[in-house]
């Protein structure tokens, strides 16, 4: 078995998969439906928001940091109540949050983008101990924020360019040090880098939107593996399970015509693929 359906919920734009290590619960978003889903075993829950939500980091057993289109906020998973932490381009109605992930220092990297995918409308930010700082501006589709297990580097991508960048990080604080370097330059004929994660050995795993696959690249950038995903618009992988030895991949049905959706019957569902490797645990966000 190469891939199987983990959850049949058909997300308009499935994204932001997160395994909560304390709860043993899997979370993911439907960005355009403004929803967060959670699944523990066969039990599935849903939280509805008043704007686009796209990514999360875990704070403790009962709280997540949620990236909303206008703010970072804390969600109480039991009550459903939210509390704003800081604004996120709150004065710009044309943008929303996109991909995000906690870093090894307890910070949270989050990207923004234009709601109509306007060129250069987005940016990458990092929230760390009360400060939200813009790291990179002029980005079209912010994606692929993830971190090497030795804490030396962060990765990120501007999806339409096909370029994945590698950024050196300060050992004490995790803030970027120096200029980023090009890690991957991927041709649009075969790749479109979306969400990504790094495994325990330092290999970079990336979903490719529109290409129905996840690829694995060595720390040197060599293509090691390609795993098919049974939905054309695969969006982001995540390592899950007590041993972090399973991989789930989200997908989307947005922008498909009726004919295309009929031929892509699994579009928007979440899949389990046979990666056969061990991932890193998601880092805790420190507010």
C-alpha atoms as a PDB file:
ATOM      1  CA  UNK A   1       0.000   0.000   0.000  1.00  0.00           C
ATOM      2  CA  UNK A   2       1.421   3.347  -1.082  1.00  0.00           C
ATOM      3  CA  UNK A   3      -1.392   5.604   0.155  1.00  0.00           C
ATOM      4  CA  UNK A   4      -4.780   5.313   1.853  1.00  0.00           C
ATOM      5  CA  UNK A   5      -7.503   7.749   2.910  1.00  0.00           C
ATOM      6  CA  UNK A   6      -7.007   8.762   6.547  1.00  0.00           C
ATOM      7  CA  UNK A   7      -9.956  11.171   6.689  1.00  0.00           C
ATOM      8  CA  UNK A   8     -12.603  11.564   4.002  1.00  0.00           C
ATOM      9  CA  UNK A   9     -13.553  15.161   4.827  1.00  0.00           C
ATOM     10  CA  UNK A  10     -13.370  16.997   1.498  1.00  0.00           C
ATOM     11  CA  UNK A  11     -11.550  20.233   2.270  1.00  0.00           C
ATOM     12  CA  UNK A  12     -11.807  23.184  -0.051  1.00  0.00           C
ATOM     13  CA  UNK A  13      -8.191  23.948   0.883  1.00  0.00           C
ATOM     14  CA  UNK A  14      -6.807  21.419   3.346  1.00  0.00           C
ATOM     15  CA  UNK A  15      -3.626  22.683   5.010  1.00  0.00           C
ATOM     16  CA  UNK A  16      -1.636  23.093   8.209  1.00  0.00           C
ATOM     17  CA  UNK A  17      -1.501  19.466   9.458  1.00  0.00           C
ATOM     18  CA  UNK A  18      -0.282  19.210  13.065  1.00  0.00           C
ATOM     19  CA  UNK A  19       0.223  16.233  15.381  1.00  0.00           C
ATOM     20  CA  UNK A  20      -0.204  17.238  19.023  1.00  0.00           C
ATOM     21  CA  UNK A  21       2.296  15.057  20.934  1.00  0.00           C
ATOM     22  CA  UNK A  22       0.585  15.389  24.336  1.00  0.00           C
ATOM     23  CA  UNK A  23      -2.972  14.789  23.168  1.00  0.00           C
ATOM     24  CA  UNK A  24      -2.198  12.200  20.493  1.00  0.00           C
ATOM     25  CA  UNK A  25      -4.574  14.183  18.281  1.00  0.00           C
ATOM     26  CA  UNK A  26      -4.215  15.230  14.650  1.00  0.00           C
ATOM     27  CA  UNK A  27      -5.304  18.721  13.588  1.00  0.00           C
ATOM     28  CA  UNK A  28      -5.691  20.255  10.137  1.00  0.00           C
ATOM     29  CA  UNK A  29      -7.406  23.239   8.502  1.00  0.00           C
ATOM     30  CA  UNK A  30      -9.741  23.988   5.652  1.00  0.00           C
ATOM     31  CA  UNK A  31      -8.473  27.507   5.031  1.00  0.00           C
ATOM     32  CA  UNK A  32     -11.207  28.697   2.704  1.00  0.00           C
ATOM     33  CA  UNK A  33     -13.999  27.200   4.818  1.00  0.00           C
ATOM     34  CA  UNK A  34     -12.491  28.939   7.895  1.00  0.00           C
ATOM     35  CA  UNK A  35     -12.373  25.664   9.838  1.00  0.00           C
ATOM     36  CA  UNK A  36     -10.059  23.673  12.072  1.00  0.00           C
ATOM     37  CA  UNK A  37     -10.553  19.912  12.293  1.00  0.00           C
ATOM     38  CA  UNK A  38      -9.257  17.543  14.969  1.00  0.00           C
ATOM     39  CA  UNK A  39      -9.201  13.776  14.941  1.00  0.00           C
ATOM     40  CA  UNK A  40      -8.313  11.319  17.700  1.00  0.00           C
ATOM     41  CA  UNK A  41      -8.923   7.746  16.617  1.00  0.00           C
ATOM     42  CA  UNK A  42     -12.379   7.698  15.024  1.00  0.00           C
ATOM     43  CA  UNK A  43     -13.572  10.851  16.795  1.00  0.00           C
ATOM     44  CA  UNK A  44     -13.510  14.007  14.630  1.00  0.00           C
ATOM     45  CA  UNK A  45     -14.191  17.545  15.888  1.00  0.00           C
ATOM     46  CA  UNK A  46     -14.541  20.886  14.130  1.00  0.00           C
ATOM     47  CA  UNK A  47     -14.087  24.540  15.135  1.00  0.00           C
ATOM     48  CA  UNK A  48     -15.580  27.297  12.947  1.00  0.00           C
ATOM     49  CA  UNK A  49     -13.899  30.722  12.734  1.00  0.00           C
ATOM     50  CA  UNK A  50     -14.970  34.133  11.449  1.00  0.00           C
ATOM     51  CA  UNK A  51     -12.095  34.369   8.962  1.00  0.00           C
ATOM     52  CA  UNK A  52      -9.464  32.274   7.260  1.00  0.00           C
ATOM     53  CA  UNK A  53      -7.355  30.102   9.578  1.00  0.00           C
ATOM     54  CA  UNK A  54      -4.386  28.204   8.236  1.00  0.00           C
ATOM     55  CA  UNK A  55      -1.740  26.926  10.680  1.00  0.00           C
ATOM     56  CA  UNK A  56      -1.179  26.125  14.346  1.00  0.00           C
ATOM     57  CA  UNK A  57       1.382  25.328  16.987  1.00  0.00           C
ATOM     58  CA  UNK A  58       0.716  23.585  20.295  1.00  0.00           C
ATOM     59  CA  UNK A  59       1.147  25.568  23.516  1.00  0.00           C
ATOM     60  CA  UNK A  60       0.088  22.965  26.083  1.00  0.00           C
ATOM     61  CA  UNK A  61      -2.360  20.093  26.389  1.00  0.00           C
ATOM     62  CA  UNK A  62      -5.457  22.244  25.897  1.00  0.00           C
ATOM     63  CA  UNK A  63      -4.322  25.248  23.859  1.00  0.00           C
ATOM     64  CA  UNK A  64      -3.163  25.915  20.295  1.00  0.00           C
ATOM     65  CA  UNK A  65      -1.689  29.049  18.761  1.00  0.00           C
ATOM     66  CA  UNK A  66      -3.835  29.662  15.673  1.00  0.00           C
ATOM     67  CA  UNK A  67      -2.884  31.741  12.633  1.00  0.00           C
ATOM     68  CA  UNK A  68      -6.012  33.722  11.687  1.00  0.00           C
ATOM     69  CA  UNK A  69      -6.177  36.046   8.695  1.00  0.00           C
ATOM     70  CA  UNK A  70      -5.866  39.100  10.925  1.00  0.00           C
ATOM     71  CA  UNK A  71      -4.136  37.855  14.105  1.00  0.00           C
ATOM     72  CA  UNK A  72      -2.331  35.150  15.988  1.00  0.00           C
ATOM     73  CA  UNK A  73      -4.676  33.846  18.661  1.00  0.00           C
ATOM     74  CA  UNK A  74      -4.856  31.222  21.383  1.00  0.00           C
ATOM     75  CA  UNK A  75      -7.607  28.630  21.023  1.00  0.00           C
ATOM     76  CA  UNK A  76      -8.879  26.757  24.072  1.00  0.00           C
ATOM     77  CA  UNK A  77      -9.631  23.349  22.614  1.00  0.00           C
ATOM     78  CA  UNK A  78     -12.195  22.452  25.267  1.00  0.00           C
ATOM     79  CA  UNK A  79     -14.232  25.659  25.473  1.00  0.00           C
ATOM     80  CA  UNK A  80     -13.640  26.885  21.914  1.00  0.00           C
ATOM     81  CA  UNK A  81     -12.803  30.370  23.241  1.00  0.00           C
ATOM     82  CA  UNK A  82     -10.074  32.422  21.569  1.00  0.00           C
ATOM     83  CA  UNK A  83      -7.821  35.220  22.787  1.00  0.00           C
ATOM     84  CA  UNK A  84      -5.781  37.449  20.488  1.00  0.00           C
ATOM     85  CA  UNK A  85      -2.002  37.405  20.956  1.00  0.00           C
ATOM     86  CA  UNK A  86      -1.026  39.973  18.330  1.00  0.00           C
ATOM     87  CA  UNK A  87      -2.241  41.361  15.033  1.00  0.00           C
ATOM     88  CA  UNK A  88      -1.091  39.870  11.736  1.00  0.00           C
ATOM     89  CA  UNK A  89      -1.461  42.406   8.918  1.00  0.00           C
ATOM     90  CA  UNK A  90      -4.709  43.310  10.654  1.00  0.00           C
ATOM     91  CA  UNK A  91      -5.010  46.546   8.651  1.00  0.00           C
ATOM     92  CA  UNK A  92      -4.766  44.759   5.276  1.00  0.00           C
ATOM     93  CA  UNK A  93      -8.062  43.137   4.261  1.00  0.00           C
ATOM     94  CA  UNK A  94      -6.483  41.825   1.042  1.00  0.00           C
ATOM     95  CA  UNK A  95      -4.202  39.298   2.760  1.00  0.00           C
ATOM     96  CA  UNK A  96      -4.556  36.224   4.949  1.00  0.00           C
ATOM     97  CA  UNK A  97      -2.302  33.828   6.824  1.00  0.00           C
ATOM     98  CA  UNK A  98      -0.978  30.738   5.089  1.00  0.00           C
ATOM     99  CA  UNK A  99       1.580  28.097   6.097  1.00  0.00           C
ATOM    100  CA  UNK A 100       3.223  28.152   9.539  1.00  0.00           C
ATOM    101  CA  UNK A 101       5.155  26.054  12.042  1.00  0.00           C
ATOM    102  CA  UNK A 102       6.746  26.319  15.499  1.00  0.00           C
ATOM    103  CA  UNK A 103      10.539  26.387  15.666  1.00  0.00           C
ATOM    104  CA  UNK A 104      12.888  24.660  18.156  1.00  0.00           C
ATOM    105  CA  UNK A 105      13.167  27.802  20.339  1.00  0.00           C
ATOM    106  CA  UNK A 106       9.416  28.098  20.890  1.00  0.00           C
ATOM    107  CA  UNK A 107       8.933  30.704  18.198  1.00  0.00           C
ATOM    108  CA  UNK A 108       6.314  30.496  15.453  1.00  0.00           C
ATOM    109  CA  UNK A 109       6.992  31.163  11.763  1.00  0.00           C
ATOM    110  CA  UNK A 110       3.944  32.274   9.809  1.00  0.00           C
ATOM    111  CA  UNK A 111       3.431  33.485   6.258  1.00  0.00           C
ATOM    112  CA  UNK A 112       0.834  35.740   4.669  1.00  0.00           C
ATOM    113  CA  UNK A 113      -0.377  36.004   1.082  1.00  0.00           C
ATOM    114  CA  UNK A 114      -2.930  37.852  -0.992  1.00  0.00           C
ATOM    115  CA  UNK A 115      -6.417  36.347  -0.907  1.00  0.00           C
ATOM    116  CA  UNK A 116      -6.442  36.592  -4.698  1.00  0.00           C
ATOM    117  CA  UNK A 117      -2.789  35.415  -4.887  1.00  0.00           C
ATOM    118  CA  UNK A 118      -1.583  38.900  -5.821  1.00  0.00           C
ATOM    119  CA  UNK A 119       2.130  38.806  -6.749  1.00  0.00           C
ATOM    120  CA  UNK A 120       4.390  39.899  -3.896  1.00  0.00           C
ATOM    121  CA  UNK A 121       1.528  40.674  -1.483  1.00  0.00           C
ATOM    122  CA  UNK A 122       2.710  38.344   1.269  1.00  0.00           C
ATOM    123  CA  UNK A 123       5.548  38.049   3.766  1.00  0.00           C
ATOM    124  CA  UNK A 124       7.165  35.656   6.228  1.00  0.00           C
ATOM    125  CA  UNK A 125       7.062  36.550   9.936  1.00  0.00           C
ATOM    126  CA  UNK A 126       8.334  35.071  13.170  1.00  0.00           C
ATOM    127  CA  UNK A 127       6.583  35.453  16.519  1.00  0.00           C
ATOM    128  CA  UNK A 128       8.993  34.966  19.428  1.00  0.00           C
ATOM    129  CA  UNK A 129       8.406  35.775  23.088  1.00  0.00           C
ATOM    130  CA  UNK A 130       6.021  38.647  22.496  1.00  0.00           C
ATOM    131  CA  UNK A 131       7.539  40.062  19.300  1.00  0.00           C
ATOM    132  CA  UNK A 132       6.224  39.616  15.754  1.00  0.00           C
ATOM    133  CA  UNK A 133       8.955  40.502  13.253  1.00  0.00           C
ATOM    134  CA  UNK A 134       8.797  40.440   9.457  1.00  0.00           C
ATOM    135  CA  UNK A 135      11.596  38.298   8.030  1.00  0.00           C
ATOM    136  CA  UNK A 136      11.004  38.383   4.265  1.00  0.00           C
ATOM    137  CA  UNK A 137       8.661  40.597   2.259  1.00  0.00           C
ATOM    138  CA  UNK A 138       7.410  40.618  -1.320  1.00  0.00           C
ATOM    139  CA  UNK A 139       6.368  36.942  -1.316  1.00  0.00           C
ATOM    140  CA  UNK A 140       3.476  35.612  -3.394  1.00  0.00           C
ATOM    141  CA  UNK A 141       2.620  32.250  -1.749  1.00  0.00           C
ATOM    142  CA  UNK A 142       4.371  31.609   1.585  1.00  0.00           C
ATOM    143  CA  UNK A 143       5.030  27.937   2.245  1.00  0.00           C
ATOM    144  CA  UNK A 144       7.350  25.174   3.495  1.00  0.00           C
ATOM    145  CA  UNK A 145       8.546  26.657   6.809  1.00  0.00           C
ATOM    146  CA  UNK A 146      10.349  23.840   8.642  1.00  0.00           C
ATOM    147  CA  UNK A 147      13.544  23.277  10.615  1.00  0.00           C
ATOM    148  CA  UNK A 148      16.537  20.953  10.639  1.00  0.00           C
ATOM    149  CA  UNK A 149      16.937  18.676  13.676  1.00  0.00           C
ATOM    150  CA  UNK A 150      20.353  20.188  14.474  1.00  0.00           C
ATOM    151  CA  UNK A 151      18.639  23.628  14.759  1.00  0.00           C
ATOM    152  CA  UNK A 152      21.062  25.187  12.260  1.00  0.00           C
ATOM    153  CA  UNK A 153      18.636  26.020   9.443  1.00  0.00           C
ATOM    154  CA  UNK A 154      15.094  26.951   8.501  1.00  0.00           C
ATOM    155  CA  UNK A 155      13.577  26.285   5.087  1.00  0.00           C
ATOM    156  CA  UNK A 156      10.881  28.288   3.312  1.00  0.00           C
ATOM    157  CA  UNK A 157       9.489  28.674  -0.210  1.00  0.00           C
ATOM    158  CA  UNK A 158       7.641  31.125  -2.426  1.00  0.00           C
ATOM    159  CA  UNK A 159       5.604  28.459  -4.212  1.00  0.00           C
ATOM    160  CA  UNK A 160       5.168  29.976  -7.717  1.00  0.00           C
ATOM    161  CA  UNK A 161       8.931  30.486  -8.081  1.00  0.00           C
ATOM    162  CA  UNK A 162       9.746  26.823  -7.426  1.00  0.00           C
ATOM    163  CA  UNK A 163      12.566  27.951  -5.147  1.00  0.00           C
ATOM    164  CA  UNK A 164      13.123  26.609  -1.634  1.00  0.00           C
ATOM    165  CA  UNK A 165      15.465  28.730   0.475  1.00  0.00           C
ATOM    166  CA  UNK A 166      17.639  27.687   3.416  1.00  0.00           C
ATOM    167  CA  UNK A 167      18.238  30.229   6.183  1.00  0.00           C
ATOM    168  CA  UNK A 168      20.928  29.964   8.867  1.00  0.00           C
ATOM    169  CA  UNK A 169      19.667  30.553  12.418  1.00  0.00           C
ATOM    170  CA  UNK A 170      21.221  31.962  15.566  1.00  0.00           C
ATOM    171  CA  UNK A 171      21.963  29.101  17.959  1.00  0.00           C
ATOM    172  CA  UNK A 172      20.724  30.984  21.029  1.00  0.00           C
ATOM    173  CA  UNK A 173      17.564  32.690  19.780  1.00  0.00           C
ATOM    174  CA  UNK A 174      16.599  31.159  16.437  1.00  0.00           C
ATOM    175  CA  UNK A 175      16.505  34.505  14.617  1.00  0.00           C
ATOM    176  CA  UNK A 176      17.884  34.422  11.046  1.00  0.00           C
ATOM    177  CA  UNK A 177      21.597  35.101  10.643  1.00  0.00           C
ATOM    178  CA  UNK A 178      22.927  36.406   7.334  1.00  0.00           C
ATOM    179  CA  UNK A 179      21.335  36.029   3.917  1.00  0.00           C
ATOM    180  CA  UNK A 180      19.377  32.933   2.864  1.00  0.00           C
ATOM    181  CA  UNK A 181      20.805  30.548   0.283  1.00  0.00           C
ATOM    182  CA  UNK A 182      19.074  28.648  -2.484  1.00  0.00           C
ATOM    183  CA  UNK A 183      18.392  25.052  -1.452  1.00  0.00           C
ATOM    184  CA  UNK A 184      16.181  23.800  -4.302  1.00  0.00           C
ATOM    185  CA  UNK A 185      15.313  25.308  -7.693  1.00  0.00           C
ATOM    186  CA  UNK A 186      12.496  23.112  -8.970  1.00  0.00           C
ATOM    187  CA  UNK A 187      11.050  23.257 -12.509  1.00  0.00           C
ATOM    188  CA  UNK A 188       7.318  23.953 -12.721  1.00  0.00           C
ATOM    189  CA  UNK A 189       6.866  21.076 -15.163  1.00  0.00           C
ATOM    190  CA  UNK A 190       7.265  18.547 -12.336  1.00  0.00           C
ATOM    191  CA  UNK A 191       7.181  20.427  -9.024  1.00  0.00           C
ATOM    192  CA  UNK A 192       5.306  23.152  -7.134  1.00  0.00           C
ATOM    193  CA  UNK A 193       6.607  23.258  -3.533  1.00  0.00           C
ATOM    194  CA  UNK A 194       3.836  23.684  -0.978  1.00  0.00           C
ATOM    195  CA  UNK A 195       3.969  22.586   2.678  1.00  0.00           C
ATOM    196  CA  UNK A 196       7.034  20.760   3.967  1.00  0.00           C
ATOM    197  CA  UNK A 197       8.524  19.051   7.008  1.00  0.00           C
ATOM    198  CA  UNK A 198      11.970  17.716   7.957  1.00  0.00           C
ATOM    199  CA  UNK A 199      12.455  14.185   9.293  1.00  0.00           C
ATOM    200  CA  UNK A 200      14.706  13.099  12.165  1.00  0.00           C
ATOM    201  CA  UNK A 201      17.598  12.457   9.756  1.00  0.00           C
ATOM    202  CA  UNK A 202      17.418  15.953   8.291  1.00  0.00           C
ATOM    203  CA  UNK A 203      15.718  15.065   4.997  1.00  0.00           C
ATOM    204  CA  UNK A 204      13.274  17.576   3.536  1.00  0.00           C
ATOM    205  CA  UNK A 205       9.789  16.267   2.648  1.00  0.00           C
ATOM    206  CA  UNK A 206       7.610  18.511   0.460  1.00  0.00           C
ATOM    207  CA  UNK A 207       4.123  18.269  -1.048  1.00  0.00           C
ATOM    208  CA  UNK A 208       3.740  19.522  -4.618  1.00  0.00           C
ATOM    209  CA  UNK A 209       0.461  21.265  -5.383  1.00  0.00           C
ATOM    210  CA  UNK A 210      -0.897  20.198  -8.745  1.00  0.00           C
ATOM    211  CA  UNK A 211       1.505  17.260  -9.075  1.00  0.00           C
ATOM    212  CA  UNK A 212      -0.104  14.639  -6.765  1.00  0.00           C
ATOM    213  CA  UNK A 213       3.060  13.780  -4.868  1.00  0.00           C
ATOM    214  CA  UNK A 214       5.405  14.273  -1.957  1.00  0.00           C
ATOM    215  CA  UNK A 215       9.150  14.324  -2.559  1.00  0.00           C
ATOM    216  CA  UNK A 216      12.047  13.686  -0.188  1.00  0.00           C
ATOM    217  CA  UNK A 217      15.342  15.553  -0.592  1.00  0.00           C
ATOM    218  CA  UNK A 218      18.599  15.021   1.254  1.00  0.00           C
ATOM    219  CA  UNK A 219      20.219  17.851   3.264  1.00  0.00           C
ATOM    220  CA  UNK A 220      22.355  18.416   0.150  1.00  0.00           C
ATOM    221  CA  UNK A 221      19.248  18.809  -2.018  1.00  0.00           C
ATOM    222  CA  UNK A 222      19.381  15.476  -3.831  1.00  0.00           C
ATOM    223  CA  UNK A 223      16.021  13.925  -4.734  1.00  0.00           C
ATOM    224  CA  UNK A 224      15.809  10.688  -2.743  1.00  0.00           C
ATOM    225  CA  UNK A 225      12.188   9.563  -3.119  1.00  0.00           C
ATOM    226  CA  UNK A 226       8.874  10.426  -4.717  1.00  0.00           C
ATOM    227  CA  UNK A 227       5.610   9.193  -3.157  1.00  0.00           C
ATOM    228  CA  UNK A 228       2.375   9.492  -5.161  1.00  0.00           C
ATOM    229  CA  UNK A 229      -0.663  11.047  -3.453  1.00  0.00           C
ATOM    230  CA  UNK A 230      -4.148  10.132  -4.750  1.00  0.00           C
ATOM    231  CA  UNK A 231      -5.225  13.766  -5.173  1.00  0.00           C
ATOM    232  CA  UNK A 232      -3.708  16.197  -7.651  1.00  0.00           C
ATOM    233  CA  UNK A 233      -3.543  19.172  -5.297  1.00  0.00           C
ATOM    234  CA  UNK A 234      -1.486  17.757  -2.421  1.00  0.00           C
ATOM    235  CA  UNK A 235      -0.669  20.496   0.081  1.00  0.00           C
ATOM    236  CA  UNK A 236       1.336  19.517   3.177  1.00  0.00           C
ATOM    237  CA  UNK A 237       2.811  16.442   4.935  1.00  0.00           C
ATOM    238  CA  UNK A 238       3.042  15.789   8.677  1.00  0.00           C
ATOM    239  CA  UNK A 239       4.618  13.066  10.793  1.00  0.00           C
ATOM    240  CA  UNK A 240       2.121  11.562  13.240  1.00  0.00           C
ATOM    241  CA  UNK A 241       1.678   8.786  15.782  1.00  0.00           C
ATOM    242  CA  UNK A 242       3.373   7.905  19.044  1.00  0.00           C
ATOM    243  CA  UNK A 243       6.525   6.903  17.166  1.00  0.00           C
ATOM    244  CA  UNK A 244       6.246   9.684  14.553  1.00  0.00           C
ATOM    245  CA  UNK A 245       6.615   6.922  11.979  1.00  0.00           C
ATOM    246  CA  UNK A 246       3.474   7.654   9.942  1.00  0.00           C
ATOM    247  CA  UNK A 247       2.964  10.439   7.412  1.00  0.00           C
ATOM    248  CA  UNK A 248      -0.319  12.183   6.650  1.00  0.00           C
ATOM    249  CA  UNK A 249      -0.807  14.526   3.682  1.00  0.00           C
ATOM    250  CA  UNK A 250      -3.570  17.117   3.215  1.00  0.00           C
ATOM    251  CA  UNK A 251      -5.041  18.157  -0.137  1.00  0.00           C
ATOM    252  CA  UNK A 252      -7.487  20.600  -1.775  1.00  0.00           C
ATOM    253  CA  UNK A 253     -10.319  20.698  -4.285  1.00  0.00           C
ATOM    254  CA  UNK A 254     -10.266  24.474  -4.847  1.00  0.00           C
ATOM    255  CA  UNK A 255     -10.165  25.758  -8.440  1.00  0.00           C
ATOM    256  CA  UNK A 256     -11.197  22.401  -9.931  1.00  0.00           C
ATOM    257  CA  UNK A 257     -13.963  22.399 -12.506  1.00  0.00           C
ATOM    258  CA  UNK A 258     -16.841  19.948 -12.099  1.00  0.00           C
ATOM    259  CA  UNK A 259     -15.217  17.739 -14.710  1.00  0.00           C
ATOM    260  CA  UNK A 260     -11.819  17.868 -13.020  1.00  0.00           C
ATOM    261  CA  UNK A 261     -13.322  17.141  -9.624  1.00  0.00           C
ATOM    262  CA  UNK A 262     -15.191  14.145 -11.036  1.00  0.00           C
ATOM    263  CA  UNK A 263     -11.894  12.707 -12.256  1.00  0.00           C
ATOM    264  CA  UNK A 264     -10.059  13.622  -9.014  1.00  0.00           C
ATOM    265  CA  UNK A 265     -12.494  11.952  -6.646  1.00  0.00           C
ATOM    266  CA  UNK A 266     -10.223  12.146  -3.595  1.00  0.00           C
ATOM    267  CA  UNK A 267      -9.529  15.877  -3.899  1.00  0.00           C
ATOM    268  CA  UNK A 268      -9.572  17.599  -0.510  1.00  0.00           C
ATOM    269  CA  UNK A 269      -9.193  14.441   1.564  1.00  0.00           C
ATOM    270  CA  UNK A 270      -6.316  13.637   3.934  1.00  0.00           C
ATOM    271  CA  UNK A 271      -4.127  10.624   3.182  1.00  0.00           C
ATOM    272  CA  UNK A 272      -1.710   8.339   4.944  1.00  0.00           C
ATOM    273  CA  UNK A 273       1.330   7.524   2.825  1.00  0.00           C
ATOM    274  CA  UNK A 274       4.040   4.935   3.372  1.00  0.00           C
ATOM    275  CA  UNK A 275       7.084   7.081   4.054  1.00  0.00           C
ATOM    276  CA  UNK A 276       8.910   4.488   6.142  1.00  0.00           C
ATOM    277  CA  UNK A 277      10.909   7.030   8.153  1.00  0.00           C
ATOM    278  CA  UNK A 278      10.726   8.766  11.538  1.00  0.00           C
ATOM    279  CA  UNK A 279       9.857  12.435  11.842  1.00  0.00           C
ATOM    280  CA  UNK A 280      10.544  15.154  14.375  1.00  0.00           C
ATOM    281  CA  UNK A 281       8.051  16.014  17.097  1.00  0.00           C
ATOM    282  CA  UNK A 282       6.355  19.366  16.589  1.00  0.00           C
ATOM    283  CA  UNK A 283       7.913  21.992  18.840  1.00  0.00           C
ATOM    284  CA  UNK A 284       5.959  23.693  21.614  1.00  0.00           C
ATOM    285  CA  UNK A 285       5.120  27.400  21.154  1.00  0.00           C
ATOM    286  CA  UNK A 286       6.275  29.589  24.063  1.00  0.00           C
ATOM    287  CA  UNK A 287       4.187  32.749  24.325  1.00  0.00           C
END
